[in-house]
N, C-alpha and C. Protein backbone atom coordinates (compact mmCIF):
# COMPACT_ATOMS: atom_id res chain seq x y z
N MET A 1 130.26 114.78 98.39
CA MET A 1 130.67 112.90 97.67
C MET A 1 129.01 112.49 97.64
N LYS A 2 128.47 113.12 99.04
CA LYS A 2 127.14 113.12 98.89
C LYS A 2 125.21 112.84 97.63
N GLU A 3 125.96 114.22 97.19
CA GLU A 3 125.46 114.83 95.57
C GLU A 3 125.73 113.98 95.09
N LYS A 4 127.21 113.73 94.36
CA LYS A 4 127.65 112.38 93.31
C LYS A 4 126.89 111.45 93.77
N PHE A 5 126.67 111.26 94.81
CA PHE A 5 126.51 110.28 95.40
C PHE A 5 125.08 109.73 94.76
N ILE A 6 123.99 110.57 95.56
CA ILE A 6 122.81 110.39 95.04
C ILE A 6 122.47 111.24 93.46
N GLU A 7 122.91 111.82 92.88
CA GLU A 7 123.18 111.61 91.35
C GLU A 7 123.37 110.67 90.32
N GLN A 8 124.04 109.94 90.86
CA GLN A 8 124.66 108.82 90.67
C GLN A 8 123.40 107.16 90.58
N LEU A 9 122.64 108.16 91.76
CA LEU A 9 121.63 106.41 91.88
C LEU A 9 119.96 106.61 91.15
N ASN A 10 120.16 108.78 90.94
CA ASN A 10 119.30 108.74 90.11
C ASN A 10 119.50 108.51 88.23
N LEU A 11 120.50 108.47 88.42
CA LEU A 11 121.10 107.33 86.91
C LEU A 11 120.60 106.55 86.58
N ARG A 12 120.58 105.78 87.63
CA ARG A 12 120.24 104.55 88.04
C ARG A 12 118.82 104.40 87.90
N ALA A 13 118.03 105.07 88.29
CA ALA A 13 116.60 104.42 88.62
C ALA A 13 116.00 104.18 87.39
N SER A 14 115.08 103.49 87.75
CA SER A 14 114.73 102.89 85.78
C SER A 14 113.18 104.07 85.46
N LYS A 15 113.07 104.19 84.35
CA LYS A 15 113.14 105.42 83.74
C LYS A 15 111.74 105.56 83.86
N ASN A 16 111.22 104.03 84.38
CA ASN A 16 109.31 104.11 84.30
C ASN A 16 108.96 104.76 85.17
N LEU A 17 109.97 104.59 86.54
CA LEU A 17 109.63 105.00 87.69
C LEU A 17 109.45 106.14 87.86
N THR A 18 108.12 106.91 88.70
CA THR A 18 108.20 108.50 88.83
C THR A 18 107.85 108.63 90.79
N PHE A 19 108.22 109.91 91.00
CA PHE A 19 107.98 109.71 92.65
C PHE A 19 106.74 111.18 92.31
N GLU A 20 105.92 110.97 93.31
CA GLU A 20 105.08 111.90 93.73
C GLU A 20 104.76 111.96 95.19
N GLU A 21 104.29 113.22 95.75
CA GLU A 21 104.20 113.54 96.85
C GLU A 21 102.36 113.06 97.16
N VAL A 22 102.24 112.63 98.22
CA VAL A 22 100.45 112.92 99.09
C VAL A 22 100.13 113.07 100.02
N ARG A 23 98.98 114.69 99.98
CA ARG A 23 99.07 115.05 101.25
C ARG A 23 97.89 114.22 100.99
N TYR A 24 97.34 114.40 102.52
CA TYR A 24 95.56 113.56 103.21
C TYR A 24 95.02 114.25 102.54
N ASN A 25 94.17 113.44 102.08
CA ASN A 25 92.82 113.12 101.20
C ASN A 25 92.85 113.58 99.86
N ASP A 26 93.32 113.70 98.99
CA ASP A 26 93.94 114.13 97.78
C ASP A 26 93.46 112.46 96.76
N ASN A 27 93.63 112.91 95.49
CA ASN A 27 92.96 111.89 94.89
C ASN A 27 94.15 110.40 95.17
N LYS A 28 95.09 111.33 95.83
CA LYS A 28 96.33 110.23 95.60
C LYS A 28 96.23 109.34 96.84
N TYR A 29 95.52 110.69 97.74
CA TYR A 29 95.41 109.97 99.42
C TYR A 29 94.88 108.23 99.29
N PHE A 30 93.92 108.26 98.78
CA PHE A 30 93.12 107.18 98.99
C PHE A 30 93.60 105.49 97.93
N LYS A 31 94.33 106.02 96.86
CA LYS A 31 95.03 105.11 96.13
C LYS A 31 96.30 104.54 96.57
N THR A 32 97.09 105.18 98.15
CA THR A 32 98.18 105.02 98.27
C THR A 32 97.01 104.22 100.00
N LEU A 33 96.15 104.52 100.40
CA LEU A 33 95.76 103.79 101.09
C LEU A 33 95.20 102.25 100.42
N LYS A 34 95.03 102.34 99.41
CA LYS A 34 94.58 100.67 99.09
C LYS A 34 95.95 100.03 98.74
N TYR A 35 96.72 100.62 98.89
CA TYR A 35 97.98 100.18 98.68
C TYR A 35 98.46 99.41 99.57
N LEU A 36 98.73 100.69 100.76
CA LEU A 36 98.88 100.38 101.85
C LEU A 36 98.49 99.44 102.67
N ASN A 37 97.67 99.19 102.70
CA ASN A 37 95.90 98.14 102.83
C ASN A 37 96.45 96.25 102.15
N ASN A 38 97.24 96.31 101.41
CA ASN A 38 97.24 95.12 100.23
C ASN A 38 98.57 94.81 100.68
N GLN A 39 99.20 95.38 101.56
CA GLN A 39 101.00 95.40 101.14
C GLN A 39 100.64 94.04 102.29
N LYS A 40 101.17 93.66 102.84
CA LYS A 40 102.45 92.94 103.90
C LYS A 40 102.94 92.90 104.46
N ILE A 41 103.83 93.93 104.63
CA ILE A 41 104.60 93.55 105.53
C ILE A 41 105.01 94.36 106.75
N LEU A 42 103.39 95.55 106.98
CA LEU A 42 103.19 95.71 107.48
C LEU A 42 101.86 96.27 108.68
N LYS A 43 101.57 96.55 109.79
CA LYS A 43 99.64 96.39 109.09
C LYS A 43 99.44 97.70 109.17
N PHE A 44 98.37 97.80 108.47
CA PHE A 44 98.09 98.40 108.07
C PHE A 44 97.19 99.97 108.71
N ASN A 45 97.31 98.79 110.28
CA ASN A 45 96.32 100.47 111.09
C ASN A 45 97.03 100.94 111.70
N GLU A 46 98.69 100.57 111.87
CA GLU A 46 99.23 101.45 112.83
C GLU A 46 100.18 102.20 111.92
N ILE A 47 100.26 101.76 110.46
CA ILE A 47 100.59 103.39 109.56
C ILE A 47 99.39 104.04 109.84
N LYS A 48 98.02 104.12 109.60
CA LYS A 48 97.31 104.84 109.15
C LYS A 48 96.91 105.45 110.19
N LYS A 49 97.36 105.47 111.75
CA LYS A 49 97.95 105.89 112.64
C LYS A 49 98.54 106.90 112.53
N ILE A 50 99.68 106.64 112.01
CA ILE A 50 100.24 107.69 111.69
C ILE A 50 99.83 109.05 111.05
N LEU A 51 99.26 108.01 109.78
CA LEU A 51 99.14 109.27 108.54
C LEU A 51 98.34 109.73 108.92
N ASP A 52 97.40 109.80 109.75
CA ASP A 52 95.85 110.48 110.41
C ASP A 52 96.89 111.74 111.21
N GLN A 53 97.62 111.17 112.13
CA GLN A 53 98.47 111.79 112.99
C GLN A 53 99.26 113.04 112.23
N SER A 54 99.58 112.56 110.90
CA SER A 54 100.21 113.08 110.31
C SER A 54 99.45 114.78 109.04
N SER A 55 98.29 114.83 109.38
CA SER A 55 97.52 115.94 108.80
C SER A 55 96.89 117.24 109.55
N LEU A 56 97.79 116.93 110.29
CA LEU A 56 97.70 118.14 111.71
C LEU A 56 98.28 119.18 110.39
N ASN A 57 98.96 119.03 109.65
CA ASN A 57 99.88 119.98 109.07
C ASN A 57 99.14 119.52 107.35
N ASN A 58 99.83 120.88 106.52
CA ASN A 58 99.53 120.59 105.13
C ASN A 58 101.04 120.82 104.29
N LEU A 59 101.39 119.62 105.34
CA LEU A 59 102.53 118.51 103.93
C LEU A 59 102.75 117.27 103.52
N PRO A 60 103.04 116.42 102.26
CA PRO A 60 102.91 116.08 102.25
C PRO A 60 102.64 114.51 103.36
N ILE A 61 101.72 113.92 103.29
CA ILE A 61 101.94 112.79 104.62
C ILE A 61 103.20 111.87 103.47
N GLY A 62 103.65 111.39 102.92
CA GLY A 62 104.14 110.32 102.41
C GLY A 62 104.87 110.71 100.57
N ASN A 63 105.63 110.08 100.01
CA ASN A 63 105.08 109.62 98.54
C ASN A 63 105.55 108.14 98.63
N ILE A 64 105.21 108.29 97.15
CA ILE A 64 104.46 107.14 96.27
C ILE A 64 105.08 107.30 95.11
N LEU A 65 106.15 105.61 94.91
CA LEU A 65 106.30 104.79 94.11
C LEU A 65 105.96 104.90 92.62
N ILE A 66 106.16 105.09 91.42
CA ILE A 66 105.01 104.54 90.48
C ILE A 66 105.77 103.84 89.73
N ASN A 67 105.53 102.97 88.79
CA ASN A 67 105.61 102.10 88.20
C ASN A 67 104.34 102.15 86.60
N ASN A 68 104.36 102.63 85.81
CA ASN A 68 102.98 102.46 84.59
C ASN A 68 101.95 102.33 85.19
N ASN A 69 102.02 103.87 86.10
CA ASN A 69 100.22 103.93 87.04
C ASN A 69 100.02 103.59 88.15
N GLN A 70 100.70 102.28 88.37
CA GLN A 70 100.59 101.67 89.26
C GLN A 70 101.86 101.73 90.84
N ILE A 71 101.25 102.24 91.93
CA ILE A 71 102.12 102.58 92.95
C ILE A 71 102.76 100.71 92.92
N VAL A 72 103.68 101.15 93.58
CA VAL A 72 104.97 100.05 93.72
C VAL A 72 105.77 100.63 95.20
N GLY A 73 105.66 101.74 95.63
CA GLY A 73 106.20 101.72 96.86
C GLY A 73 105.56 103.08 97.60
N PHE A 74 105.19 103.23 99.11
CA PHE A 74 105.67 103.87 99.81
C PHE A 74 106.90 104.63 100.83
N MET A 75 106.68 106.29 100.63
CA MET A 75 107.84 105.98 101.61
C MET A 75 106.91 107.15 103.05
N GLY A 76 106.54 107.01 104.13
CA GLY A 76 105.87 107.94 104.94
C GLY A 76 106.45 108.99 105.37
N THR A 77 106.24 109.88 106.02
CA THR A 77 106.47 110.91 106.12
C THR A 77 105.88 112.30 106.82
N PHE A 78 106.47 112.39 108.46
CA PHE A 78 105.86 113.56 109.20
C PHE A 78 106.91 114.22 109.88
N TYR A 79 106.03 115.24 108.95
CA TYR A 79 106.69 116.83 109.52
C TYR A 79 106.05 117.70 110.24
N SER A 80 107.32 118.18 111.14
CA SER A 80 106.60 119.46 112.69
C SER A 80 107.34 120.31 112.41
N TYR A 81 107.48 121.08 113.64
CA TYR A 81 108.32 122.45 112.97
C TYR A 81 108.92 122.10 114.70
N LYS A 82 110.48 122.58 114.75
CA LYS A 82 110.93 123.10 116.10
C LYS A 82 111.16 124.48 115.91
N LYS A 83 111.53 124.65 117.08
CA LYS A 83 111.86 126.48 117.28
C LYS A 83 113.04 126.26 117.48
N LYS A 84 114.48 127.01 117.97
CA LYS A 84 115.09 127.03 118.82
C LYS A 84 116.30 128.88 118.22
N ASP A 85 116.05 129.27 118.79
CA ASP A 85 116.87 130.56 118.95
C ASP A 85 115.96 131.33 118.17
N ASP A 86 114.62 131.90 118.07
CA ASP A 86 113.94 132.48 117.41
C ASP A 86 113.83 131.89 115.70
N LYS A 87 114.16 131.03 115.70
CA LYS A 87 113.87 130.33 114.18
C LYS A 87 113.29 128.71 114.22
N PHE A 88 112.13 128.71 113.35
CA PHE A 88 111.86 127.67 113.41
C PHE A 88 112.71 126.79 111.84
N PHE A 89 112.77 125.18 112.44
CA PHE A 89 113.43 124.64 110.99
C PHE A 89 112.08 123.79 111.07
N LEU A 90 111.89 122.99 109.79
CA LEU A 90 110.87 122.11 109.05
C LEU A 90 111.98 120.42 109.59
N LEU A 91 111.61 119.47 110.47
CA LEU A 91 111.45 118.25 110.66
C LEU A 91 110.56 117.21 110.33
N CYS A 92 111.42 116.19 109.71
CA CYS A 92 110.74 115.22 108.97
C CYS A 92 111.02 113.74 109.25
N ASN A 93 110.26 113.39 109.87
CA ASN A 93 111.27 111.59 109.97
C ASN A 93 109.80 110.66 109.27
N ILE A 94 111.54 109.72 108.93
CA ILE A 94 110.48 108.89 107.79
C ILE A 94 110.30 107.82 108.56
N HIS A 95 109.23 107.30 107.40
CA HIS A 95 108.60 105.82 108.35
C HIS A 95 107.75 104.82 107.27
N SER A 96 107.31 104.31 107.54
CA SER A 96 106.41 103.19 106.67
C SER A 96 107.31 103.11 105.62
N TRP A 97 108.61 102.65 105.03
CA TRP A 97 109.30 102.55 103.70
C TRP A 97 108.83 101.31 103.48
N ILE A 98 107.99 100.85 102.52
CA ILE A 98 107.82 99.99 101.50
C ILE A 98 107.14 99.80 100.18
N VAL A 99 108.09 98.91 99.97
CA VAL A 99 108.83 99.20 98.95
C VAL A 99 108.15 97.61 97.98
N ASP A 100 107.53 96.93 96.96
CA ASP A 100 107.47 96.41 96.91
C ASP A 100 108.61 95.01 95.71
N LYS A 101 109.10 93.80 96.25
CA LYS A 101 110.30 93.76 95.92
C LYS A 101 110.71 93.92 94.74
N ARG A 102 110.41 93.14 94.00
CA ARG A 102 110.97 93.66 92.53
C ARG A 102 111.14 95.24 92.26
N PHE A 103 111.18 96.03 93.32
CA PHE A 103 111.66 97.25 93.11
C PHE A 103 112.23 97.86 93.63
N ARG A 104 113.03 97.12 94.72
CA ARG A 104 113.84 97.74 96.00
C ARG A 104 114.65 98.23 95.19
N PHE A 105 114.79 97.75 94.35
CA PHE A 105 116.78 97.95 94.21
C PHE A 105 116.74 99.44 93.50
N ASN A 106 115.24 100.26 93.64
CA ASN A 106 115.47 101.48 93.21
C ASN A 106 114.24 102.15 94.39
N SER A 107 114.04 101.79 95.74
CA SER A 107 114.03 102.91 97.13
C SER A 107 114.25 103.50 97.38
N PHE A 108 115.37 103.45 96.71
CA PHE A 108 115.90 105.24 97.36
C PHE A 108 115.65 106.54 96.74
N PHE A 109 114.99 105.82 95.63
CA PHE A 109 113.97 107.24 94.90
C PHE A 109 113.04 107.78 95.43
N LEU A 110 112.46 107.12 96.97
CA LEU A 110 111.51 108.01 97.40
C LEU A 110 112.42 109.18 98.34
N LEU A 111 113.59 108.59 98.13
CA LEU A 111 113.99 109.88 99.37
C LEU A 111 115.31 111.31 98.72
N SER A 112 115.52 110.28 97.45
CA SER A 112 116.29 111.49 96.76
C SER A 112 115.81 112.60 96.39
N PRO A 113 114.50 113.19 95.90
CA PRO A 113 114.09 114.42 95.56
C PRO A 113 113.70 115.08 96.97
N LEU A 114 113.96 114.55 98.15
CA LEU A 114 113.64 115.47 99.72
C LEU A 114 114.89 115.91 100.16
N LEU A 115 115.85 115.45 99.50
CA LEU A 115 116.85 116.14 99.68
C LEU A 115 117.59 117.39 99.57
N ASN A 116 117.15 117.51 98.81
CA ASN A 116 116.79 118.85 97.94
C ASN A 116 116.36 120.13 98.58
N LYS A 117 115.38 119.60 99.61
CA LYS A 117 114.97 121.37 100.23
C LYS A 117 115.78 121.08 101.87
N ASP A 118 115.74 122.05 101.97
CA ASP A 118 115.63 122.62 103.64
C ASP A 118 114.55 122.16 105.24
N ILE A 119 115.26 121.06 104.72
CA ILE A 119 114.32 119.53 105.60
C ILE A 119 115.94 118.85 106.99
N ASN A 120 115.36 118.94 108.29
CA ASN A 120 116.14 118.16 108.85
C ASN A 120 115.38 117.08 109.36
N PHE A 121 116.31 115.83 109.15
CA PHE A 121 115.67 114.86 109.05
C PHE A 121 115.56 113.51 110.01
N THR A 122 115.28 113.38 110.11
CA THR A 122 115.17 111.54 111.31
C THR A 122 114.23 110.16 110.93
N ALA A 123 115.41 109.10 110.97
CA ALA A 123 114.40 108.01 110.50
C ALA A 123 114.20 107.29 111.91
N PHE A 124 113.83 106.75 112.57
CA PHE A 124 113.37 106.08 113.80
C PHE A 124 113.12 104.63 113.48
N THR A 125 113.90 103.74 114.08
CA THR A 125 114.71 102.59 114.45
C THR A 125 114.33 102.20 113.16
N PRO A 126 114.77 102.30 112.16
CA PRO A 126 114.79 101.88 110.56
C PRO A 126 115.05 100.50 110.12
N VAL A 127 114.54 99.65 109.87
CA VAL A 127 115.43 98.33 109.70
C VAL A 127 116.70 98.48 109.30
N ASN A 128 117.19 97.33 109.49
CA ASN A 128 118.56 96.46 109.15
C ASN A 128 119.14 97.03 107.63
N SER A 129 117.88 96.94 106.70
CA SER A 129 118.89 96.45 105.93
C SER A 129 118.33 98.40 104.95
N LEU A 130 118.21 99.31 105.31
CA LEU A 130 117.70 100.76 105.04
C LEU A 130 119.34 100.95 106.15
N VAL A 131 120.06 101.29 107.00
CA VAL A 131 121.11 101.47 107.93
C VAL A 131 121.57 101.97 107.34
N GLY A 132 122.32 101.14 105.91
CA GLY A 132 123.49 101.25 105.31
C GLY A 132 123.13 102.42 104.04
N LEU A 133 121.77 101.94 103.59
CA LEU A 133 121.68 103.19 102.38
C LEU A 133 121.57 104.79 103.33
N LEU A 134 120.62 104.84 104.22
CA LEU A 134 120.48 106.07 104.98
C LEU A 134 122.53 106.48 105.12
N SER A 135 122.95 105.66 105.51
CA SER A 135 124.73 106.72 105.47
C SER A 135 124.80 106.44 104.47
N LYS A 136 124.74 106.23 103.79
CA LYS A 136 125.37 106.94 101.60
C LYS A 136 124.41 108.10 102.03
N PHE A 137 123.63 108.33 102.00
CA PHE A 137 122.76 109.13 102.10
C PHE A 137 123.22 110.63 103.23
N GLY A 138 123.97 110.37 103.74
CA GLY A 138 124.74 111.62 104.69
C GLY A 138 124.08 111.91 106.62
N PHE A 139 123.41 110.51 107.01
CA PHE A 139 122.10 109.90 107.86
C PHE A 139 123.41 109.92 108.60
N THR A 140 123.97 110.07 110.14
CA THR A 140 124.52 109.59 110.76
C THR A 140 123.85 109.10 112.03
N LYS A 141 123.86 107.85 112.65
CA LYS A 141 123.53 107.17 113.71
C LYS A 141 123.71 107.35 115.11
N LYS A 142 122.66 107.84 115.70
CA LYS A 142 122.13 108.40 116.73
C LYS A 142 121.64 107.26 118.29
N THR A 143 122.38 107.60 119.01
CA THR A 143 122.00 106.91 120.74
C THR A 143 121.40 107.70 120.96
N TYR A 144 119.86 107.53 121.91
CA TYR A 144 119.98 108.62 122.76
C TYR A 144 119.33 107.34 123.88
N TYR A 145 119.41 107.46 125.18
CA TYR A 145 119.12 106.33 126.49
C TYR A 145 118.30 107.74 127.05
N TYR A 146 117.17 107.00 127.30
CA TYR A 146 116.68 107.77 128.37
C TYR A 146 115.56 107.19 129.44
N LYS A 147 115.46 107.90 130.92
CA LYS A 147 114.09 107.18 131.54
C LYS A 147 113.23 107.93 131.34
N THR A 148 111.60 107.31 131.98
CA THR A 148 110.95 107.37 132.29
C THR A 148 110.54 107.12 133.97
N LEU A 149 109.80 108.15 134.02
CA LEU A 149 109.78 108.28 135.81
C LEU A 149 108.21 108.61 136.32
N LEU A 150 107.72 107.52 137.12
CA LEU A 150 106.18 108.06 137.19
C LEU A 150 105.73 107.86 138.41
N ASN A 151 105.36 108.85 139.15
CA ASN A 151 105.05 109.14 140.54
C ASN A 151 103.83 108.45 140.46
């Protein structure tokens, strides 16, 4: 069912839109920084801190949505590896999902190409408007409680 849903969304996407991965310090990275610095949804300095941390590996730091050679959206990806039972698993935390207002109907397009990869996804504290979309993609909501004790 999830695959059919993704296929329907991709068919619905504007034919003018394209999706590209962004890697730390590549040509698209600097264009992406300019886009992120100009948007008014999230604080640029907070996003930049996450992107700088993401540069520690050779994996993409995010995905951009492009319309007529202009960036109209960004979804940050923070990758890490976890080891369990002598096997390594690739994890991807989604952060800083920003899409220009007139293209938000197609914001799913930033995520859909990643769903075909062998990756475990997380999306910590997504905005309420994304919770429904993420559940349609097969994400499940988990709530964790923890305590931090300081000596």
